[in-house]
Amino acid sequence: MISGYAQHPDLVTLIYILKACGITGHLHIGDKVHAKAETLGLLVIKEIILVTALVYIYVNYGALENAQKVFNKLPTRNVAS
């Protein structure tokens, strides 16, 4: 996610970045992806995969307050989320 770059990452790109952050432990980059997803309007019900990936990353690295905030934004919660 290069600042000043004209194109925005799509949903799939953000999900893979989050997956990499989860594996490598780069929570600070996960936070930036979260902010970018909000800016792009991707944290909506149809993007439950992205929201679930954010919750996963926050829980795995002990940022439970952030995980709870993201989880609470889900209009429908189930076993998958």
Protein backbone atom coordinates (compact mmCIF):
# COMPACT_ATOMS: atom_id res chain seq x y z
CA MET A 1 0.00 0.00 0.00
CA ILE A 2 2.14 2.75 -1.35
CA SER A 3 1.11 6.27 -0.42
CA GLY A 4 0.23 8.41 -3.38
CA TYR A 5 -0.42 5.42 -5.65
CA ALA A 6 -3.43 6.14 -7.88
CA GLN A 7 -5.13 2.72 -7.69
CA HIS A 8 -6.72 1.23 -4.60
CA PRO A 9 -6.32 -2.38 -3.53
CA ASP A 10 -9.33 -4.60 -4.05
CA LEU A 11 -10.98 -6.90 -1.53
CA VAL A 12 -8.89 -9.95 -2.45
CA THR A 13 -5.64 -8.02 -2.12
CA LEU A 14 -6.60 -6.75 1.33
CA ILE A 15 -7.56 -10.26 2.48
CA TYR A 16 -4.19 -11.65 1.40
CA ILE A 17 -2.35 -8.78 3.07
CA LEU A 18 -4.25 -9.54 6.29
CA LYS A 19 -3.40 -13.23 5.98
CA ALA A 20 0.29 -12.35 5.61
CA CYS A 21 0.06 -10.02 8.61
CA GLY A 22 -1.47 -12.83 10.64
CA ILE A 23 1.34 -15.20 9.74
CA THR A 24 4.16 -12.72 10.29
CA GLY A 25 2.73 -10.87 13.27
CA HIS A 26 2.70 -7.42 11.69
CA LEU A 27 -0.32 -6.07 13.53
CA HIS A 28 0.58 -2.46 12.69
CA ILE A 29 0.19 -3.24 8.98
CA GLY A 30 -3.09 -5.03 9.75
CA ASP A 31 -4.27 -1.80 11.39
CA LYS A 32 -3.42 0.12 8.21
CA VAL A 33 -5.33 -2.42 6.11
CA HIS A 34 -8.30 -2.00 8.47
CA ALA A 35 -8.21 1.77 8.01
CA LYS A 36 -7.92 1.43 4.22
CA ALA A 37 -10.83 -1.02 4.11
CA GLU A 38 -12.98 1.46 6.04
CA THR A 39 -11.94 4.28 3.69
CA LEU A 40 -12.89 2.16 0.67
CA GLY A 41 -16.20 1.14 2.23
CA LEU A 42 -15.32 -2.56 2.29
CA LEU A 43 -16.39 -3.25 5.86
CA VAL A 44 -19.97 -4.01 4.99
CA ILE A 45 -22.04 -7.17 5.28
CA LYS A 46 -21.08 -8.52 1.84
CA GLU A 47 -17.42 -8.38 2.80
CA ILE A 48 -17.70 -10.70 5.79
CA ILE A 49 -14.51 -12.51 4.75
CA LEU A 50 -12.50 -9.30 5.23
CA VAL A 51 -14.15 -8.54 8.56
CA THR A 52 -13.51 -12.09 9.75
CA ALA A 53 -9.84 -11.81 8.72
CA LEU A 54 -9.54 -8.59 10.73
CA VAL A 55 -11.08 -10.21 13.81
CA TYR A 56 -8.73 -13.19 13.41
CA ILE A 57 -5.64 -11.01 13.23
CA TYR A 58 -6.62 -8.88 16.22
CA VAL A 59 -7.47 -11.91 18.38
CA ASN A 60 -4.27 -13.76 17.49
CA TYR A 61 -2.12 -10.84 18.54
CA GLY A 62 -3.98 -9.89 21.69
CA ALA A 63 -5.73 -6.77 20.41
CA LEU A 64 -9.04 -7.96 21.82
CA GLU A 65 -10.57 -4.49 22.05
CA ASN A 66 -9.99 -3.95 18.32
CA ALA A 67 -11.36 -7.42 17.54
CA GLN A 68 -14.49 -6.68 19.56
CA LYS A 69 -15.05 -3.35 17.78
CA VAL A 70 -14.80 -4.97 14.35
CA PHE A 71 -16.95 -7.95 15.40
CA ASN A 72 -19.65 -5.67 16.81
CA LYS A 73 -20.01 -3.99 13.40
CA LEU A 74 -21.20 -7.27 11.87
CA PRO A 75 -24.97 -7.14 11.46
CA THR A 76 -25.17 -10.95 11.43
CA ARG A 77 -22.90 -13.03 13.63
CA ASN A 78 -22.53 -16.78 13.25
CA VAL A 79 -20.07 -19.61 13.82
CA ALA A 80 -18.04 -18.63 10.76
CA SER A 81 -17.56 -15.05 11.94
